[in-house]
Amino acid sequence: ARLGKGRVRIIAEAFRLQGHNFRSATAAELKEQLAAYKGFSVYL
């Protein structure tokens, strides 16, 4: 809204912090994430 939609894209983190380490997101987690960003260009 402030900058113009053409200037905004989203980096979706396809990992999850678990303790002191990182793991891949599950399919359910990733699907929920991507669904929330519908309409934007998204990079995993």
PDB file of all heavy atoms in Angstrom:
ATOM      1  N   ALA A   1       0.824  -1.209   0.000  1.00  0.00           N
ATOM      2  CA  ALA A   1       0.000   0.000   0.000  1.00  0.00           C
ATOM      3  C   ALA A   1       0.858   1.259   0.000  1.00  0.00           C
ATOM      4  O   ALA A   1       0.506   2.264  -0.618  1.00  0.00           O
ATOM      5  CB  ALA A   1      -0.927  -0.017   1.210  1.00  0.00           C
ATOM      6  N   ARG A   2       1.979   1.208   0.685  1.00  0.00           N
ATOM      7  CA  ARG A   2       2.824   2.401   0.843  1.00  0.00           C
ATOM      8  C   ARG A   2       3.801   2.578  -0.320  1.00  0.00           C
ATOM      9  O   ARG A   2       4.072   3.702  -0.738  1.00  0.00           O
ATOM     10  CB  ARG A   2       3.621   2.273   2.147  1.00  0.00           C
ATOM     11  CG  ARG A   2       4.325   3.533   2.592  1.00  0.00           C
ATOM     12  CD  ARG A   2       3.335   4.581   3.062  1.00  0.00           C
ATOM     13  NE  ARG A   2       4.010   5.718   3.665  1.00  0.00           N
ATOM     14  CZ  ARG A   2       4.564   6.719   2.970  1.00  0.00           C
ATOM     15  NH1 ARG A   2       4.508   6.719   1.650  1.00  0.00           N
ATOM     16  NH2 ARG A   2       5.150   7.706   3.588  1.00  0.00           N
ATOM     17  N   LEU A   3       4.338   1.462  -0.840  1.00  0.00           N
ATOM     18  CA  LEU A   3       5.395   1.537  -1.842  1.00  0.00           C
ATOM     19  C   LEU A   3       4.937   1.152  -3.240  1.00  0.00           C
ATOM     20  O   LEU A   3       5.632   1.439  -4.214  1.00  0.00           O
ATOM     21  CB  LEU A   3       6.564   0.619  -1.448  1.00  0.00           C
ATOM     22  CG  LEU A   3       7.169   0.840  -0.066  1.00  0.00           C
ATOM     23  CD1 LEU A   3       8.237  -0.204   0.206  1.00  0.00           C
ATOM     24  CD2 LEU A   3       7.747   2.235   0.058  1.00  0.00           C
ATOM     25  N   GLY A   4       3.797   0.460  -3.335  1.00  0.00           N
ATOM     26  CA  GLY A   4       3.347  -0.068  -4.619  1.00  0.00           C
ATOM     27  C   GLY A   4       3.603  -1.554  -4.688  1.00  0.00           C
ATOM     28  O   GLY A   4       4.697  -2.019  -4.351  1.00  0.00           O
ATOM     29  N   LYS A   5       2.602  -2.305  -5.113  1.00  0.00           N
ATOM     30  CA  LYS A   5       2.718  -3.759  -5.076  1.00  0.00           C
ATOM     31  C   LYS A   5       3.837  -4.286  -5.961  1.00  0.00           C
ATOM     32  O   LYS A   5       4.454  -5.305  -5.662  1.00  0.00           O
ATOM     33  CB  LYS A   5       1.391  -4.409  -5.470  1.00  0.00           C
ATOM     34  CG  LYS A   5       1.370  -5.903  -5.188  1.00  0.00           C
ATOM     35  CD  LYS A   5      -0.005  -6.496  -5.270  1.00  0.00           C
ATOM     36  CE  LYS A   5       0.022  -7.960  -4.858  1.00  0.00           C
ATOM     37  NZ  LYS A   5      -1.320  -8.573  -4.887  1.00  0.00           N
ATOM     38  N   GLY A   6       4.116  -3.595  -7.053  1.00  0.00           N
ATOM     39  CA  GLY A   6       5.169  -4.042  -7.947  1.00  0.00           C
ATOM     40  C   GLY A   6       6.553  -4.033  -7.327  1.00  0.00           C
ATOM     41  O   GLY A   6       7.468  -4.678  -7.848  1.00  0.00           O
ATOM     42  N   ARG A   7       6.694  -3.321  -6.204  1.00  0.00           N
ATOM     43  CA  ARG A   7       8.003  -3.225  -5.550  1.00  0.00           C
ATOM     44  C   ARG A   7       8.164  -4.221  -4.409  1.00  0.00           C
ATOM     45  O   ARG A   7       9.232  -4.260  -3.780  1.00  0.00           O
ATOM     46  CB  ARG A   7       8.203  -1.814  -4.982  1.00  0.00           C
ATOM     47  CG  ARG A   7       8.433  -0.748  -6.031  1.00  0.00           C
ATOM     48  CD  ARG A   7       8.573   0.611  -5.369  1.00  0.00           C
ATOM     49  NE  ARG A   7       9.744   0.699  -4.497  1.00  0.00           N
ATOM     50  CZ  ARG A   7       9.972   1.709  -3.657  1.00  0.00           C
ATOM     51  NH1 ARG A   7       9.092   2.699  -3.577  1.00  0.00           N
ATOM     52  NH2 ARG A   7      11.053   1.730  -2.912  1.00  0.00           N
ATOM     53  N   VAL A   8       7.147  -5.021  -4.126  1.00  0.00           N
ATOM     54  CA  VAL A   8       7.172  -5.864  -2.928  1.00  0.00           C
ATOM     55  C   VAL A   8       7.055  -7.341  -3.285  1.00  0.00           C
ATOM     56  O   VAL A   8       6.112  -7.745  -3.984  1.00  0.00           O
ATOM     57  CB  VAL A   8       6.034  -5.475  -1.962  1.00  0.00           C
ATOM     58  CG1 VAL A   8       6.075  -6.349  -0.712  1.00  0.00           C
ATOM     59  CG2 VAL A   8       6.129  -4.000  -1.590  1.00  0.00           C
ATOM     60  N   ARG A   9       7.989  -8.138  -2.803  1.00  0.00           N
ATOM     61  CA  ARG A   9       7.938  -9.588  -2.906  1.00  0.00           C
ATOM     62  C   ARG A   9       8.267 -10.172  -1.530  1.00  0.00           C
ATOM     63  O   ARG A   9       8.754  -9.457  -0.652  1.00  0.00           O
ATOM     64  CB  ARG A   9       8.902 -10.098  -3.980  1.00  0.00           C
ATOM     65  CG  ARG A   9       8.578  -9.526  -5.364  1.00  0.00           C
ATOM     66  CD  ARG A   9       9.520 -10.016  -6.440  1.00  0.00           C
ATOM     67  NE  ARG A   9       9.213  -9.396  -7.730  1.00  0.00           N
ATOM     68  CZ  ARG A   9       9.885  -9.640  -8.843  1.00  0.00           C
ATOM     69  NH1 ARG A   9      10.905 -10.509  -8.845  1.00  0.00           N
ATOM     70  NH2 ARG A   9       9.543  -9.037  -9.979  1.00  0.00           N
ATOM     71  N   ILE A  10       8.004 -11.451  -1.355  1.00  0.00           N
ATOM     72  CA  ILE A  10       8.153 -12.075  -0.030  1.00  0.00           C
ATOM     73  C   ILE A  10       9.163 -13.216  -0.089  1.00  0.00           C
ATOM     74  O   ILE A  10       9.114 -14.047  -1.001  1.00  0.00           O
ATOM     75  CB  ILE A  10       6.799 -12.616   0.478  1.00  0.00           C
ATOM     76  CG1 ILE A  10       5.769 -11.492   0.572  1.00  0.00           C
ATOM     77  CG2 ILE A  10       6.968 -13.292   1.841  1.00  0.00           C
ATOM     78  CD1 ILE A  10       4.366 -11.973   0.931  1.00  0.00           C
ATOM     79  N   ILE A  11      10.062 -13.234   0.890  1.00  0.00           N
ATOM     80  CA  ILE A  11      10.941 -14.390   1.099  1.00  0.00           C
ATOM     81  C   ILE A  11      10.323 -15.231   2.207  1.00  0.00           C
ATOM     82  O   ILE A  11      10.255 -14.806   3.361  1.00  0.00           O
ATOM     83  CB  ILE A  11      12.365 -13.957   1.470  1.00  0.00           C
ATOM     84  CG1 ILE A  11      13.011 -13.213   0.301  1.00  0.00           C
ATOM     85  CG2 ILE A  11      13.207 -15.171   1.859  1.00  0.00           C
ATOM     86  CD1 ILE A  11      14.404 -12.699   0.591  1.00  0.00           C
ATOM     87  N   ALA A  12       9.843 -16.413   1.845  1.00  0.00           N
ATOM     88  CA  ALA A  12       9.228 -17.327   2.805  1.00  0.00           C
ATOM     89  C   ALA A  12      10.287 -18.298   3.312  1.00  0.00           C
ATOM     90  O   ALA A  12      10.922 -18.999   2.522  1.00  0.00           O
ATOM     91  CB  ALA A  12       8.088 -18.096   2.145  1.00  0.00           C
ATOM     92  N   GLU A  13      10.477 -18.315   4.611  1.00  0.00           N
ATOM     93  CA  GLU A  13      11.492 -19.186   5.202  1.00  0.00           C
ATOM     94  C   GLU A  13      10.991 -20.630   5.209  1.00  0.00           C
ATOM     95  O   GLU A  13      10.036 -20.953   5.907  1.00  0.00           O
ATOM     96  CB  GLU A  13      11.824 -18.699   6.612  1.00  0.00           C
ATOM     97  CG  GLU A  13      12.474 -17.318   6.589  1.00  0.00           C
ATOM     98  CD  GLU A  13      12.634 -16.670   7.951  1.00  0.00           C
ATOM     99  OE1 GLU A  13      12.045 -17.186   8.925  1.00  0.00           O
ATOM    100  OE2 GLU A  13      13.344 -15.653   8.048  1.00  0.00           O
ATOM    101  N   ALA A  14      11.635 -21.474   4.412  1.00  0.00           N
ATOM    102  CA  ALA A  14      11.225 -22.875   4.266  1.00  0.00           C
ATOM    103  C   ALA A  14      11.906 -23.767   5.290  1.00  0.00           C
ATOM    104  O   ALA A  14      12.091 -24.957   5.058  1.00  0.00           O
ATOM    105  CB  ALA A  14      11.540 -23.360   2.851  1.00  0.00           C
ATOM    106  N   PHE A  15      12.264 -23.179   6.424  1.00  0.00           N
ATOM    107  CA  PHE A  15      12.895 -23.926   7.511  1.00  0.00           C
ATOM    108  C   PHE A  15      12.190 -23.571   8.806  1.00  0.00           C
ATOM    109  O   PHE A  15      11.393 -22.634   8.880  1.00  0.00           O
ATOM    110  CB  PHE A  15      14.387 -23.590   7.606  1.00  0.00           C
ATOM    111  CG  PHE A  15      14.654 -22.127   7.856  1.00  0.00           C
ATOM    112  CD1 PHE A  15      14.641 -21.603   9.150  1.00  0.00           C
ATOM    113  CD2 PHE A  15      14.921 -21.254   6.816  1.00  0.00           C
ATOM    114  CE1 PHE A  15      14.874 -20.252   9.399  1.00  0.00           C
ATOM    115  CE2 PHE A  15      15.153 -19.897   7.042  1.00  0.00           C
ATOM    116  CZ  PHE A  15      15.124 -19.408   8.335  1.00  0.00           C
ATOM    117  N   ARG A  16      12.496 -24.325   9.854  1.00  0.00           N
ATOM    118  CA  ARG A  16      11.985 -24.020  11.176  1.00  0.00           C
ATOM    119  C   ARG A  16      13.108 -24.203  12.196  1.00  0.00           C
ATOM    120  O   ARG A  16      13.852 -25.187  12.144  1.00  0.00           O
ATOM    121  CB  ARG A  16      10.805 -24.941  11.543  1.00  0.00           C
ATOM    122  CG  ARG A  16       9.562 -24.757  10.679  1.00  0.00           C
ATOM    123  CD  ARG A  16       8.947 -23.386  10.861  1.00  0.00           C
ATOM    124  NE  ARG A  16       7.710 -23.239  10.099  1.00  0.00           N
ATOM    125  CZ  ARG A  16       7.650 -22.798   8.849  1.00  0.00           C
ATOM    126  NH1 ARG A  16       8.765 -22.480   8.192  1.00  0.00           N
ATOM    127  NH2 ARG A  16       6.481 -22.682   8.233  1.00  0.00           N
ATOM    128  N   LEU A  17      13.196 -23.229  13.105  1.00  0.00           N
ATOM    129  CA  LEU A  17      14.148 -23.325  14.198  1.00  0.00           C
ATOM    130  C   LEU A  17      13.629 -24.361  15.189  1.00  0.00           C
ATOM    131  O   LEU A  17      12.486 -24.300  15.639  1.00  0.00           O
ATOM    132  CB  LEU A  17      14.302 -21.974  14.882  1.00  0.00           C
ATOM    133  CG  LEU A  17      15.275 -21.890  16.061  1.00  0.00           C
ATOM    134  CD1 LEU A  17      16.691 -22.205  15.596  1.00  0.00           C
ATOM    135  CD2 LEU A  17      15.215 -20.505  16.695  1.00  0.00           C
ATOM    136  N   GLN A  18      14.471 -25.335  15.504  1.00  0.00           N
ATOM    137  CA  GLN A  18      14.099 -26.395  16.431  1.00  0.00           C
ATOM    138  C   GLN A  18      15.246 -26.578  17.415  1.00  0.00           C
ATOM    139  O   GLN A  18      16.277 -27.155  17.078  1.00  0.00           O
ATOM    140  CB  GLN A  18      13.823 -27.694  15.673  1.00  0.00           C
ATOM    141  CG  GLN A  18      13.295 -28.820  16.537  1.00  0.00           C
ATOM    142  CD  GLN A  18      12.769 -29.972  15.698  1.00  0.00           C
ATOM    143  OE1 GLN A  18      11.697 -29.883  15.106  1.00  0.00           O
ATOM    144  NE2 GLN A  18      13.530 -31.046  15.635  1.00  0.00           N
ATOM    145  N   GLY A  19      15.061 -26.053  18.619  1.00  0.00           N
ATOM    146  CA  GLY A  19      16.170 -26.045  19.561  1.00  0.00           C
ATOM    147  C   GLY A  19      17.228 -25.082  19.075  1.00  0.00           C
ATOM    148  O   GLY A  19      16.955 -23.908  18.809  1.00  0.00           O
ATOM    149  N   HIS A  20      18.451 -25.593  18.920  1.00  0.00           N
ATOM    150  CA  HIS A  20      19.545 -24.764  18.416  1.00  0.00           C
ATOM    151  C   HIS A  20      19.852 -25.071  16.956  1.00  0.00           C
ATOM    152  O   HIS A  20      20.844 -24.579  16.413  1.00  0.00           O
ATOM    153  CB  HIS A  20      20.802 -24.982  19.265  1.00  0.00           C
ATOM    154  CG  HIS A  20      20.636 -24.576  20.702  1.00  0.00           C
ATOM    155  ND1 HIS A  20      20.497 -23.268  21.094  1.00  0.00           N
ATOM    156  CD2 HIS A  20      20.549 -25.316  21.841  1.00  0.00           C
ATOM    157  CE1 HIS A  20      20.357 -23.199  22.415  1.00  0.00           C
ATOM    158  NE2 HIS A  20      20.378 -24.435  22.892  1.00  0.00           N
ATOM    159  N   ASN A  21      19.013 -25.867  16.325  1.00  0.00           N
ATOM    160  CA  ASN A  21      19.256 -26.275  14.941  1.00  0.00           C
ATOM    161  C   ASN A  21      18.076 -25.884  14.050  1.00  0.00           C
ATOM    162  O   ASN A  21      17.037 -25.425  14.530  1.00  0.00           O
ATOM    163  CB  ASN A  21      19.480 -27.787  14.875  1.00  0.00           C
ATOM    164  CG  ASN A  21      20.683 -28.226  15.695  1.00  0.00           C
ATOM    165  OD1 ASN A  21      21.765 -27.686  15.529  1.00  0.00           O
ATOM    166  ND2 ASN A  21      20.497 -29.197  16.569  1.00  0.00           N
ATOM    167  N   PHE A  22      18.252 -26.100  12.776  1.00  0.00           N
ATOM    168  CA  PHE A  22      17.201 -25.811  11.808  1.00  0.00           C
ATOM    169  C   PHE A  22      16.805 -27.084  11.090  1.00  0.00           C
ATOM    170  O   PHE A  22      17.640 -27.943  10.818  1.00  0.00           O
ATOM    171  CB  PHE A  22      17.677 -24.774  10.780  1.00  0.00           C
ATOM    172  CG  PHE A  22      17.952 -23.424  11.372  1.00  0.00           C
ATOM    173  CD1 PHE A  22      19.241 -23.055  11.743  1.00  0.00           C
ATOM    174  CD2 PHE A  22      16.924 -22.516  11.556  1.00  0.00           C
ATOM    175  CE1 PHE A  22      19.492 -21.812  12.286  1.00  0.00           C
ATOM    176  CE2 PHE A  22      17.168 -21.257  12.094  1.00  0.00           C
ATOM    177  CZ  PHE A  22      18.457 -20.914  12.472  1.00  0.00           C
ATOM    178  N   ARG A  23      15.530 -27.190  10.776  1.00  0.00           N
ATOM    179  CA  ARG A  23      15.013 -28.309   9.995  1.00  0.00           C
ATOM    180  C   ARG A  23      14.164 -27.747   8.855  1.00  0.00           C
ATOM    181  O   ARG A  23      13.755 -26.580   8.865  1.00  0.00           O
ATOM    182  CB  ARG A  23      14.141 -29.213  10.863  1.00  0.00           C
ATOM    183  CG  ARG A  23      12.900 -28.523  11.437  1.00  0.00           C
ATOM    184  CD  ARG A  23      11.904 -29.515  11.998  1.00  0.00           C
ATOM    185  NE  ARG A  23      10.770 -28.851  12.649  1.00  0.00           N
ATOM    186  CZ  ARG A  23       9.701 -28.370  12.022  1.00  0.00           C
ATOM    187  NH1 ARG A  23       9.610 -28.459  10.689  1.00  0.00           N
ATOM    188  NH2 ARG A  23       8.710 -27.795  12.698  1.00  0.00           N
ATOM    189  N   SER A  24      13.895 -28.577   7.875  1.00  0.00           N
ATOM    190  CA  SER A  24      12.988 -28.173   6.810  1.00  0.00           C
ATOM    191  C   SER A  24      11.580 -28.027   7.367  1.00  0.00           C
ATOM    192  O   SER A  24      11.173 -28.748   8.277  1.00  0.00           O
ATOM    193  CB  SER A  24      12.985 -29.220   5.695  1.00  0.00           C
ATOM    194  OG  SER A  24      14.229 -29.297   5.060  1.00  0.00           O
ATOM    195  N   ALA A  25      10.817 -27.112   6.824  1.00  0.00           N
ATOM    196  CA  ALA A  25       9.397 -27.031   7.153  1.00  0.00           C
ATOM    197  C   ALA A  25       8.709 -28.303   6.682  1.00  0.00           C
ATOM    198  O   ALA A  25       9.150 -28.954   5.726  1.00  0.00           O
ATOM    199  CB  ALA A  25       8.772 -25.820   6.467  1.00  0.00           C
ATOM    200  N   THR A  26       7.639 -28.670   7.359  1.00  0.00           N
ATOM    201  CA  THR A  26       6.851 -29.798   6.890  1.00  0.00           C
ATOM    202  C   THR A  26       5.977 -29.333   5.720  1.00  0.00           C
ATOM    203  O   THR A  26       5.803 -28.129   5.483  1.00  0.00           O
ATOM    204  CB  THR A  26       5.952 -30.356   8.001  1.00  0.00           C
ATOM    205  OG1 THR A  26       4.981 -29.343   8.350  1.00  0.00           O
ATOM    206  CG2 THR A  26       6.766 -30.716   9.238  1.00  0.00           C
ATOM    207  N   ALA A  27       5.399 -30.301   5.021  1.00  0.00           N
ATOM    208  CA  ALA A  27       4.518 -29.956   3.910  1.00  0.00           C
ATOM    209  C   ALA A  27       3.334 -29.125   4.399  1.00  0.00           C
ATOM    210  O   ALA A  27       2.939 -28.153   3.757  1.00  0.00           O
ATOM    211  CB  ALA A  27       4.039 -31.222   3.210  1.00  0.00           C
ATOM    212  N   ALA A  28       2.775 -29.494   5.548  1.00  0.00           N
ATOM    213  CA  ALA A  28       1.628 -28.746   6.087  1.00  0.00           C
ATOM    214  C   ALA A  28       2.027 -27.330   6.438  1.00  0.00           C
ATOM    215  O   ALA A  28       1.288 -26.379   6.157  1.00  0.00           O
ATOM    216  CB  ALA A  28       1.076 -29.469   7.312  1.00  0.00           C
ATOM    217  N   GLU A  29       3.192 -27.159   7.063  1.00  0.00           N
ATOM    218  CA  GLU A  29       3.662 -25.814   7.426  1.00  0.00           C
ATOM    219  C   GLU A  29       3.890 -24.968   6.182  1.00  0.00           C
ATOM    220  O   GLU A  29       3.515 -23.790   6.132  1.00  0.00           O
ATOM    221  CB  GLU A  29       4.953 -25.922   8.240  1.00  0.00           C
ATOM    222  CG  GLU A  29       4.754 -26.489   9.635  1.00  0.00           C
ATOM    223  CD  GLU A  29       6.067 -26.841  10.322  1.00  0.00           C
ATOM    224  OE1 GLU A  29       7.079 -27.079   9.610  1.00  0.00           O
ATOM    225  OE2 GLU A  29       6.073 -26.883  11.567  1.00  0.00           O
ATOM    226  N   LEU A  30       4.500 -25.573   5.180  1.00  0.00           N
ATOM    227  CA  LEU A  30       4.827 -24.818   3.975  1.00  0.00           C
ATOM    228  C   LEU A  30       3.575 -24.446   3.192  1.00  0.00           C
ATOM    229  O   LEU A  30       3.458 -23.321   2.677  1.00  0.00           O
ATOM    230  CB  LEU A  30       5.777 -25.631   3.104  1.00  0.00           C
ATOM    231  CG  LEU A  30       6.579 -24.870   2.052  1.00  0.00           C
ATOM    232  CD1 LEU A  30       7.362 -23.728   2.680  1.00  0.00           C
ATOM    233  CD2 LEU A  30       7.522 -25.815   1.318  1.00  0.00           C
ATOM    234  N   LYS A  31       2.619 -25.360   3.127  1.00  0.00           N
ATOM    235  CA  LYS A  31       1.369 -25.067   2.421  1.00  0.00           C
ATOM    236  C   LYS A  31       0.639 -23.896   3.087  1.00  0.00           C
ATOM    237  O   LYS A  31       0.113 -23.013   2.411  1.00  0.00           O
ATOM    238  CB  LYS A  31       0.470 -26.308   2.411  1.00  0.00           C
ATOM    239  CG  LYS A  31       0.948 -27.422   1.504  1.00  0.00           C
ATOM    240  CD  LYS A  31       0.462 -27.256   0.082  1.00  0.00           C
ATOM    241  CE  LYS A  31      -0.991 -27.634  -0.050  1.00  0.00           C
ATOM    242  NZ  LYS A  31      -1.427 -27.678  -1.454  1.00  0.00           N
ATOM    243  N   GLU A  32       0.602 -23.898   4.414  1.00  0.00           N
ATOM    244  CA  GLU A  32      -0.064 -22.814   5.142  1.00  0.00           C
ATOM    245  C   GLU A  32       0.629 -21.480   4.870  1.00  0.00           C
ATOM    246  O   GLU A  32      -0.028 -20.450   4.664  1.00  0.00           O
ATOM    247  CB  GLU A  32      -0.071 -23.116   6.636  1.00  0.00           C
ATOM    248  CG  GLU A  32      -0.719 -22.031   7.484  1.00  0.00           C
ATOM    249  CD  GLU A  32      -0.635 -22.322   8.973  1.00  0.00           C
ATOM    250  OE1 GLU A  32       0.090 -23.256   9.355  1.00  0.00           O
ATOM    251  OE2 GLU A  32      -1.279 -21.597   9.746  1.00  0.00           O
ATOM    252  N   GLN A  33       1.939 -21.511   4.840  1.00  0.00           N
ATOM    253  CA  GLN A  33       2.732 -20.315   4.599  1.00  0.00           C
ATOM    254  C   GLN A  33       2.461 -19.746   3.205  1.00  0.00           C
ATOM    255  O   GLN A  33       2.181 -18.560   3.045  1.00  0.00           O
ATOM    256  CB  GLN A  33       4.211 -20.698   4.727  1.00  0.00           C
ATOM    257  CG  GLN A  33       5.148 -19.631   5.202  1.00  0.00           C
ATOM    258  CD  GLN A  33       6.516 -20.228   5.508  1.00  0.00           C
ATOM    259  OE1 GLN A  33       6.670 -21.451   5.622  1.00  0.00           O
ATOM    260  NE2 GLN A  33       7.509 -19.374   5.622  1.00  0.00           N
ATOM    261  N   LEU A  34       2.515 -20.617   2.210  1.00  0.00           N
ATOM    262  CA  LEU A  34       2.324 -20.161   0.839  1.00  0.00           C
ATOM    263  C   LEU A  34       0.897 -19.666   0.599  1.00  0.00           C
ATOM    264  O   LEU A  34       0.689 -18.701  -0.137  1.00  0.00           O
ATOM    265  CB  LEU A  34       2.673 -21.298  -0.135  1.00  0.00           C
ATOM    266  CG  LEU A  34       4.146 -21.721  -0.148  1.00  0.00           C
ATOM    267  CD1 LEU A  34       4.353 -22.907  -1.085  1.00  0.00           C
ATOM    268  CD2 LEU A  34       5.048 -20.566  -0.542  1.00  0.00           C
ATOM    269  N   ALA A  35      -0.059 -20.324   1.228  1.00  0.00           N
ATOM    270  CA  ALA A  35      -1.452 -19.905   1.063  1.00  0.00           C
ATOM    271  C   ALA A  35      -1.664 -18.489   1.595  1.00  0.00           C
ATOM    272  O   ALA A  35      -2.460 -17.714   1.049  1.00  0.00           O
ATOM    273  CB  ALA A  35      -2.377 -20.879   1.767  1.00  0.00           C
ATOM    274  N   ALA A  36      -0.945 -18.139   2.668  1.00  0.00           N
ATOM    275  CA  ALA A  36      -1.099 -16.809   3.269  1.00  0.00           C
ATOM    276  C   ALA A  36      -0.599 -15.704   2.351  1.00  0.00           C
ATOM    277  O   ALA A  36      -1.024 -14.554   2.469  1.00  0.00           O
ATOM    278  CB  ALA A  36      -0.349 -16.755   4.599  1.00  0.00           C
ATOM    279  N   TYR A  37       0.299 -16.050   1.422  1.00  0.00           N
ATOM    280  CA  TYR A  37       0.923 -15.028   0.582  1.00  0.00           C
ATOM    281  C   TYR A  37       0.346 -14.994  -0.827  1.00  0.00           C
ATOM    282  O   TYR A  37       0.941 -14.406  -1.734  1.00  0.00           O
ATOM    283  CB  TYR A  37       2.430 -15.264   0.515  1.00  0.00           C
ATOM    284  CG  TYR A  37       3.108 -15.371   1.860  1.00  0.00           C
ATOM    285  CD1 TYR A  37       4.224 -16.177   2.037  1.00  0.00           C
ATOM    286  CD2 TYR A  37       2.618 -14.680   2.959  1.00  0.00           C
ATOM    287  CE1 TYR A  37       4.836 -16.278   3.277  1.00  0.00           C
ATOM    288  CE2 TYR A  37       3.214 -14.776   4.201  1.00  0.00           C
ATOM    289  CZ  TYR A  37       4.329 -15.584   4.351  1.00  0.00           C
ATOM    290  OH  TYR A  37       4.932 -15.702   5.585  1.00  0.00           O
ATOM    291  N   LYS A  38      -0.797 -15.592  -1.018  1.00  0.00           N
ATOM    292  CA  LYS A  38      -1.412 -15.635  -2.347  1.00  0.00           C
ATOM    293  C   LYS A  38      -1.544 -14.226  -2.904  1.00  0.00           C
ATOM    294  O   LYS A  38      -1.992 -13.305  -2.225  1.00  0.00           O
ATOM    295  CB  LYS A  38      -2.784 -16.293  -2.259  1.00  0.00           C
ATOM    296  CG  LYS A  38      -3.440 -16.506  -3.614  1.00  0.00           C
ATOM    297  CD  LYS A  38      -4.751 -17.254  -3.483  1.00  0.00           C
ATOM    298  CE  LYS A  38      -5.393 -17.477  -4.844  1.00  0.00           C
ATOM    299  NZ  LYS A  38      -6.678 -18.220  -4.730  1.00  0.00           N
ATOM    300  N   GLY A  39      -1.141 -14.074  -4.162  1.00  0.00           N
ATOM    301  CA  GLY A  39      -1.192 -12.774  -4.812  1.00  0.00           C
ATOM    302  C   GLY A  39       0.137 -12.055  -4.865  1.00  0.00           C
ATOM    303  O   GLY A  39       0.288 -11.089  -5.608  1.00  0.00           O
ATOM    304  N   PHE A  40       1.123 -12.525  -4.056  1.00  0.00           N
ATOM    305  CA  PHE A  40       2.462 -11.948  -4.066  1.00  0.00           C
ATOM    306  C   PHE A  40       3.445 -12.916  -4.732  1.00  0.00           C
ATOM    307  O   PHE A  40       3.249 -14.129  -4.677  1.00  0.00           O
ATOM    308  CB  PHE A  40       2.954 -11.664  -2.644  1.00  0.00           C
ATOM    309  CG  PHE A  40       2.385 -10.414  -2.034  1.00  0.00           C
ATOM    310  CD1 PHE A  40       1.235 -10.465  -1.273  1.00  0.00           C
ATOM    311  CD2 PHE A  40       3.007  -9.190  -2.227  1.00  0.00           C
ATOM    312  CE1 PHE A  40       0.697  -9.321  -0.713  1.00  0.00           C
ATOM    313  CE2 PHE A  40       2.486  -8.035  -1.663  1.00  0.00           C
ATOM    314  CZ  PHE A  40       1.326  -8.101  -0.905  1.00  0.00           C
ATOM    315  N   SER A  41       4.485 -12.372  -5.317  1.00  0.00           N
ATOM    316  CA  SER A  41       5.602 -13.209  -5.759  1.00  0.00           C
ATOM    317  C   SER A  41       6.361 -13.677  -4.525  1.00  0.00           C
ATOM    318  O   SER A  41       6.699 -12.863  -3.657  1.00  0.00           O
ATOM    319  CB  SER A  41       6.535 -12.419  -6.680  1.00  0.00           C
ATOM    320  OG  SER A  41       5.888 -12.089  -7.890  1.00  0.00           O
ATOM    321  N   VAL A  42       6.628 -14.983  -4.448  1.00  0.00           N
ATOM    322  CA  VAL A  42       7.223 -15.577  -3.248  1.00  0.00           C
ATOM    323  C   VAL A  42       8.474 -16.356  -3.631  1.00  0.00           C
ATOM    324  O   VAL A  42       8.493 -17.064  -4.642  1.00  0.00           O
ATOM    325  CB  VAL A  42       6.217 -16.516  -2.543  1.00  0.00           C
ATOM    326  CG1 VAL A  42       6.842 -17.150  -1.305  1.00  0.00           C
ATOM    327  CG2 VAL A  42       4.947 -15.757  -2.170  1.00  0.00           C
ATOM    328  N   TYR A  43       9.501 -16.226  -2.804  1.00  0.00           N
ATOM    329  CA  TYR A  43      10.735 -16.984  -2.967  1.00  0.00           C
ATOM    330  C   TYR A  43      10.943 -17.821  -1.710  1.00  0.00           C
ATOM    331  O   TYR A  43      10.846 -17.288  -0.593  1.00  0.00           O
ATOM    332  CB  TYR A  43      11.934 -16.046  -3.150  1.00  0.00           C
ATOM    333  CG  TYR A  43      11.814 -15.152  -4.363  1.00  0.00           C
ATOM    334  CD1 TYR A  43      11.053 -13.985  -4.311  1.00  0.00           C
ATOM    335  CD2 TYR A  43      12.428 -15.491  -5.556  1.00  0.00           C
ATOM    336  CE1 TYR A  43      10.916 -13.174  -5.422  1.00  0.00           C
ATOM    337  CE2 TYR A  43      12.303 -14.682  -6.670  1.00  0.00           C
ATOM    338  CZ  TYR A  43      11.547 -13.521  -6.602  1.00  0.00           C
ATOM    339  OH  TYR A  43      11.404 -12.728  -7.701  1.00  0.00           O
ATOM    340  N   LEU A  44      11.233 -19.107  -1.876  1.00  0.00           N
ATOM    341  CA  LEU A  44      11.476 -19.975  -0.728  1.00  0.00           C
ATOM    342  C   LEU A  44      12.949 -19.935  -0.356  1.00  0.00           C
ATOM    343  O   LEU A  44      13.819 -20.106  -1.210  1.00  0.00           O
ATOM    344  CB  LEU A  44      11.081 -21.422  -1.049  1.00  0.00           C
ATOM    345  CG  LEU A  44       9.593 -21.714  -1.212  1.00  0.00           C
ATOM    346  CD1 LEU A  44       9.389 -23.202  -1.510  1.00  0.00           C
ATOM    347  CD2 LEU A  44       8.827 -21.319   0.041  1.00  0.00           C
TER     348      LEU A  44
END
